[in-house]
Amino acid sequence: MPIPNEIPAHARIVVRVSEGVDPVDHRMKYRDYVGHVLSWDGHLLELSRDAAANGSRPAQRVSIDAESIITLKPVPERHFTRP
């Protein structure tokens, strides 16, 4: 998949990266990151990763190397509803 030359700051995206082949089952493993773009220079994506919806993981800043990116696409903002 071709990666865009420009990704607007503050855009909410999902990025799938390759984590390599699992040594136990010999299958390719992937990880998805959902968050807001902080910066993109064509080689390194800085992302403010969203906290997990169930509270199991806090928000975090991640750096993703362009060579590990498999796909990326925009996603809508998360909606919060009050009970």
Protein backbone atom coordinates (compact mmCIF):
# COMPACT_ATOMS: atom_id res chain seq x y z
CA MET A 1 0.00 0.00 0.00
CA PRO A 2 1.42 3.40 -0.88
CA ILE A 3 1.71 5.67 2.15
CA PRO A 4 0.57 9.26 1.57
CA ASN A 5 3.21 11.99 1.39
CA GLU A 6 1.12 14.21 3.65
CA ILE A 7 -0.98 13.28 6.66
CA PRO A 8 -2.66 16.25 8.34
CA ALA A 9 -1.80 16.86 11.98
CA HIS A 10 -4.63 16.00 14.41
CA ALA A 11 -6.24 13.59 11.94
CA ARG A 12 -7.54 10.46 13.69
CA ILE A 13 -6.23 7.34 11.94
CA VAL A 14 -5.74 3.63 12.42
CA VAL A 15 -2.30 2.26 11.52
CA ARG A 16 -1.50 -1.45 11.11
CA VAL A 17 2.15 -2.40 11.54
CA SER A 18 3.99 -5.66 11.02
CA GLU A 19 5.53 -7.21 14.12
CA GLY A 20 7.23 -10.03 12.22
CA VAL A 21 6.80 -13.79 12.27
CA ASP A 22 5.83 -15.47 15.54
CA PRO A 23 8.52 -18.02 16.46
CA VAL A 24 5.95 -20.42 17.93
CA ASP A 25 3.26 -20.64 15.23
CA HIS A 26 5.33 -19.18 12.33
CA ARG A 27 2.53 -16.79 11.35
CA MET A 28 2.89 -13.07 10.63
CA LYS A 29 1.77 -10.88 13.55
CA TYR A 30 0.31 -7.37 13.33
CA ARG A 31 -0.55 -4.56 15.75
CA ASP A 32 -3.06 -1.76 15.26
CA TYR A 33 -2.69 1.77 16.64
CA VAL A 34 -5.61 4.20 16.75
CA GLY A 35 -4.95 7.82 17.54
CA HIS A 36 -4.26 11.36 16.40
CA VAL A 37 -1.35 12.34 14.18
CA LEU A 38 1.19 14.59 15.88
CA SER A 39 3.62 14.71 12.95
CA TRP A 40 4.61 12.87 9.77
CA ASP A 41 7.82 13.48 7.82
CA GLY A 42 7.50 10.60 5.35
CA HIS A 43 9.76 8.35 7.43
CA LEU A 44 8.46 8.56 11.00
CA LEU A 45 4.87 8.87 12.18
CA GLU A 46 4.35 10.42 15.62
CA LEU A 47 0.97 9.40 16.99
CA SER A 48 -0.94 10.19 20.16
CA ARG A 49 -2.46 6.74 20.70
CA ASP A 50 -5.97 6.78 22.17
CA ALA A 51 -6.56 5.25 25.57
CA ALA A 52 -8.35 1.89 25.51
CA ALA A 53 -12.13 2.29 25.65
CA ASN A 54 -12.32 -0.11 28.60
CA GLY A 55 -9.64 1.74 30.57
CA SER A 56 -7.06 -1.05 30.36
CA ARG A 57 -4.41 1.14 28.67
CA PRO A 58 -3.81 4.87 29.07
CA ALA A 59 -3.19 7.19 26.13
CA GLN A 60 0.41 7.15 24.97
CA ARG A 61 2.72 8.75 22.44
CA VAL A 62 4.18 6.32 19.88
CA SER A 63 6.68 6.64 17.04
CA ILE A 64 6.10 4.36 14.05
CA ASP A 65 8.70 3.78 11.35
CA ALA A 66 7.24 4.08 7.84
CA GLU A 67 8.81 0.77 6.77
CA SER A 68 6.75 -1.15 9.35
CA ILE A 69 3.41 0.36 8.23
CA ILE A 70 1.17 -2.09 6.36
CA THR A 71 -1.95 0.07 6.06
CA LEU A 72 -3.39 3.28 7.43
CA LYS A 73 -6.75 4.94 7.06
CA PRO A 74 -8.78 7.73 8.65
CA VAL A 75 -11.34 6.79 11.29
CA PRO A 76 -14.12 8.87 12.86
CA GLU A 77 -13.80 10.37 16.32
CA ARG A 78 -14.91 8.20 19.22
CA HIS A 79 -18.36 9.15 20.54
CA PHE A 80 -18.95 9.23 24.25
CA THR A 81 -22.43 8.65 25.60
CA ARG A 82 -23.41 9.32 29.17
CA PRO A 83 -25.62 6.78 30.98
